Amino acid sequence: MKYLIVGLGNIGSEYAHTRHNIGFDIADAFVAKHNGNFKGDRLADIAEIKWKGRTFIVIKPNTYMNLSGKAVKYWMDKEKVSMENILVLVDELALPIETLRLRGSGSDAGHNGLKNIQDLLGTTNYPRLRFGIGNNYQKGRQVDFVLGKWTEAELAIVKAKIEKSTEIIESFATIGIQRTMNNYNNLAF
């Protein structure tokens, strides 16, 4: 069983550990938990994790967020991963910070990374883990908020959610998306 785990984010130190880069942070935490390492490869940094008879190809696209689909499509085809075994890790403005939401499909909700993945895969039917970042910003300040760092008050929740996200990835691969959604989607942090 092979899985493609895609952490969405932007490359460059100025984006490190921002709300928009939470996908990278979850990917890093999952790979570290399983004693793996990323290496630079075509269109992404990549790590291969073997766990409980499963292989996880974990990527952090280096294409910038708006072209994430190029890396997803390339690695999906190269590794021969089926659509239902892809899991995209993404920030979500429409969800409060206390929320994680696993879905088997859905719209891009205005997220350019998801929009590009949807365009290149030709479908919205791929699993994604939506990491709520809240929408606590003033009118016209959305970009600053999304590309901003977590506040001190948010950090404890974010760390707990990242840890739980690594469990969700494992659960997704072992008991499937439906049971994982039932077990995790109603948690509050």
Protein backbone atom coordinates (compact mmCIF):
# COMPACT_ATOMS: atom_id res chain seq x y z
CA MET A 1 0.00 0.00 0.00
CA LYS A 2 1.46 3.31 -1.11
CA TYR A 3 0.33 6.79 -0.03
CA LEU A 4 1.24 10.26 -1.26
CA ILE A 5 1.19 12.79 1.57
CA VAL A 6 1.38 16.37 0.28
CA GLY A 7 2.21 19.24 2.61
CA LEU A 8 1.30 22.55 1.00
CA GLY A 9 3.41 25.65 1.56
CA ASN A 10 5.77 28.13 0.00
CA ILE A 11 9.53 27.69 -0.17
CA GLY A 12 11.80 30.30 1.38
CA SER A 13 12.69 31.23 4.94
CA GLU A 14 10.31 34.20 4.90
CA TYR A 15 7.38 31.73 4.72
CA ALA A 16 8.66 29.24 7.30
CA HIS A 17 6.16 28.47 10.09
CA THR A 18 3.50 30.85 8.76
CA ARG A 19 -0.19 29.94 8.73
CA HIS A 20 -0.06 29.28 4.97
CA ASN A 21 2.85 26.83 5.45
CA ILE A 22 1.16 24.58 7.99
CA GLY A 23 1.16 21.77 5.41
CA PHE A 24 4.97 21.84 5.38
CA ASP A 25 5.02 21.83 9.20
CA ILE A 26 2.73 18.78 9.40
CA ALA A 27 4.80 16.96 6.75
CA ASP A 28 7.97 17.76 8.70
CA ALA A 29 6.42 16.49 11.96
CA PHE A 30 5.22 13.25 10.34
CA VAL A 31 8.61 12.53 8.75
CA ALA A 32 10.46 13.37 12.00
CA LYS A 33 8.10 11.12 14.01
CA HIS A 34 9.10 8.22 11.74
CA ASN A 35 12.84 9.11 11.76
CA GLY A 36 12.88 10.06 8.08
CA ASN A 37 14.63 12.83 6.18
CA PHE A 38 13.68 15.00 3.25
CA LYS A 39 15.89 15.29 0.20
CA GLY A 40 15.57 17.61 -2.76
CA ASP A 41 14.12 15.97 -5.87
CA ARG A 42 12.05 16.90 -8.91
CA LEU A 43 9.46 19.61 -8.07
CA ALA A 44 9.58 18.82 -4.32
CA ASP A 45 11.47 17.88 -1.22
CA ILE A 46 10.62 14.22 -0.66
CA ALA A 47 10.85 11.64 2.11
CA GLU A 48 9.90 7.97 1.98
CA ILE A 49 8.55 6.45 5.18
CA LYS A 50 7.78 2.76 5.70
CA TRP A 51 5.38 1.99 8.54
CA LYS A 52 3.09 -0.96 9.28
CA GLY A 53 3.48 -2.44 5.79
CA ARG A 54 2.71 0.87 4.12
CA THR A 55 4.90 3.26 2.16
CA PHE A 56 4.37 6.98 2.53
CA ILE A 57 5.83 9.25 -0.13
CA VAL A 58 5.80 12.62 1.66
CA ILE A 59 6.36 15.70 -0.46
CA LYS A 60 6.70 19.42 0.10
CA PRO A 61 6.35 20.99 -3.37
CA ASN A 62 9.04 23.55 -4.22
CA THR A 63 6.88 25.07 -6.95
CA TYR A 64 5.31 27.70 -4.68
CA MET A 65 1.74 27.25 -3.51
CA ASN A 66 -0.04 28.32 -6.71
CA LEU A 67 1.66 25.57 -8.77
CA SER A 68 1.45 22.75 -6.20
CA GLY A 69 -0.51 20.58 -8.64
CA LYS A 70 2.57 20.11 -10.83
CA ALA A 71 4.39 18.31 -8.01
CA VAL A 72 1.31 16.35 -6.93
CA LYS A 73 0.64 15.10 -10.46
CA TYR A 74 4.29 14.26 -11.12
CA TRP A 75 4.79 12.25 -7.90
CA MET A 76 1.36 10.60 -8.11
CA ASP A 77 2.19 9.32 -11.60
CA LYS A 78 5.83 8.46 -10.83
CA GLU A 79 4.97 6.49 -7.67
CA LYS A 80 1.72 5.07 -9.12
CA VAL A 81 -0.40 6.25 -6.19
CA SER A 82 -4.17 6.01 -6.62
CA MET A 83 -6.31 9.12 -6.12
CA GLU A 84 -7.88 7.83 -2.90
CA ASN A 85 -4.41 7.32 -1.38
CA ILE A 86 -3.39 10.96 -1.74
CA LEU A 87 -3.72 13.19 1.31
CA VAL A 88 -3.19 16.95 0.92
CA LEU A 89 -2.36 18.90 4.11
CA VAL A 90 -3.65 22.45 3.80
CA ASP A 91 -4.42 25.63 5.77
CA GLU A 92 -8.10 26.66 5.91
CA LEU A 93 -9.35 30.20 6.61
CA ALA A 94 -12.99 29.08 6.79
CA LEU A 95 -12.33 26.89 9.85
CA PRO A 96 -11.64 28.18 13.37
CA ILE A 97 -8.17 27.56 14.76
CA GLU A 98 -9.54 24.87 17.11
CA THR A 99 -10.57 22.67 14.16
CA LEU A 100 -9.10 19.92 11.96
CA ARG A 101 -11.32 18.56 9.19
CA LEU A 102 -10.58 15.51 7.03
CA ARG A 103 -12.55 15.31 3.77
CA GLY A 104 -12.57 12.90 0.84
CA SER A 105 -13.35 15.65 -1.66
CA GLY A 106 -14.52 19.23 -1.85
CA SER A 107 -14.07 22.60 -3.45
CA ASP A 108 -10.84 24.59 -3.41
CA ALA A 109 -12.64 27.23 -1.26
CA GLY A 110 -10.53 29.92 -2.88
CA HIS A 111 -7.23 28.24 -1.93
CA ASN A 112 -4.85 28.61 -4.87
CA GLY A 113 -2.84 25.50 -4.02
CA LEU A 114 -5.97 23.33 -4.00
CA LYS A 115 -7.24 25.04 -7.15
CA ASN A 116 -4.06 24.14 -9.02
CA ILE A 117 -4.16 20.53 -7.77
CA GLN A 118 -7.82 20.29 -8.84
CA ASP A 119 -7.01 21.74 -12.27
CA LEU A 120 -4.12 19.34 -12.92
CA LEU A 121 -5.80 16.23 -11.51
CA GLY A 122 -9.07 17.10 -13.25
CA THR A 123 -11.14 16.40 -10.14
CA THR A 124 -12.04 17.63 -6.65
CA ASN A 125 -12.27 14.01 -5.46
CA TYR A 126 -9.02 13.67 -3.54
CA PRO A 127 -8.63 13.57 0.25
CA ARG A 128 -7.44 16.62 2.14
CA LEU A 129 -6.80 17.47 5.78
CA ARG A 130 -7.94 21.04 6.36
CA PHE A 131 -6.11 22.74 9.26
CA GLY A 132 -8.22 25.61 10.58
CA ILE A 133 -6.26 28.85 10.87
CA GLY A 134 -9.24 31.07 11.72
CA ASN A 135 -10.04 34.39 10.11
CA ASN A 136 -9.05 36.87 12.79
CA TYR A 137 -7.93 39.68 10.50
CA GLN A 138 -9.14 43.14 9.57
CA LYS A 139 -10.82 43.76 6.23
CA GLY A 140 -8.24 43.91 3.47
CA ARG A 141 -5.56 42.19 5.58
CA GLN A 142 -6.18 38.56 4.59
CA VAL A 143 -2.84 38.10 2.79
CA ASP A 144 -0.90 39.51 5.76
CA PHE A 145 -2.81 37.20 8.11
CA VAL A 146 -2.31 34.05 6.02
CA LEU A 147 1.38 34.77 5.44
CA GLY A 148 1.85 35.82 9.07
CA LYS A 149 3.31 33.85 11.96
CA TRP A 150 1.17 32.26 14.66
CA THR A 151 0.57 34.40 17.74
CA GLU A 152 1.97 33.30 21.10
CA ALA A 153 -1.59 32.48 22.22
CA GLU A 154 -2.14 30.21 19.18
CA LEU A 155 1.07 28.18 19.44
CA ALA A 156 -0.09 25.60 22.01
CA ILE A 157 -3.18 24.79 19.91
CA VAL A 158 -1.13 24.65 16.71
CA LYS A 159 1.43 22.24 18.24
CA ALA A 160 -1.35 19.97 19.55
CA LYS A 161 -3.07 20.00 16.15
CA ILE A 162 0.17 19.21 14.31
CA GLU A 163 0.72 16.20 16.58
CA LYS A 164 -2.89 15.06 16.05
CA SER A 165 -2.45 15.55 12.28
CA THR A 166 0.39 13.01 12.26
CA GLU A 167 -1.99 10.53 13.92
CA ILE A 168 -4.65 11.33 11.31
CA ILE A 169 -2.19 10.49 8.50
CA GLU A 170 -1.45 7.13 10.15
CA SER A 171 -5.14 6.44 10.75
CA PHE A 172 -6.05 7.41 7.16
CA ALA A 173 -3.58 4.77 5.92
CA THR A 174 -4.57 2.02 8.37
CA ILE A 175 -8.35 2.23 8.92
CA GLY A 176 -9.41 4.37 5.96
CA ILE A 177 -10.84 7.82 5.47
CA GLN A 178 -14.40 7.20 6.70
CA ARG A 179 -13.44 5.79 10.11
CA THR A 180 -10.71 8.40 10.46
CA MET A 181 -13.20 11.21 9.78
CA ASN A 182 -15.54 9.71 12.40
CA ASN A 183 -12.72 9.53 14.96
CA TYR A 184 -11.11 12.94 14.43
CA ASN A 185 -13.39 15.48 12.73
CA ASN A 186 -15.27 16.46 15.88
CA LEU A 187 -12.23 17.06 18.07
CA ALA A 188 -11.81 20.55 19.48
CA PHE A 189 -8.48 21.89 20.66
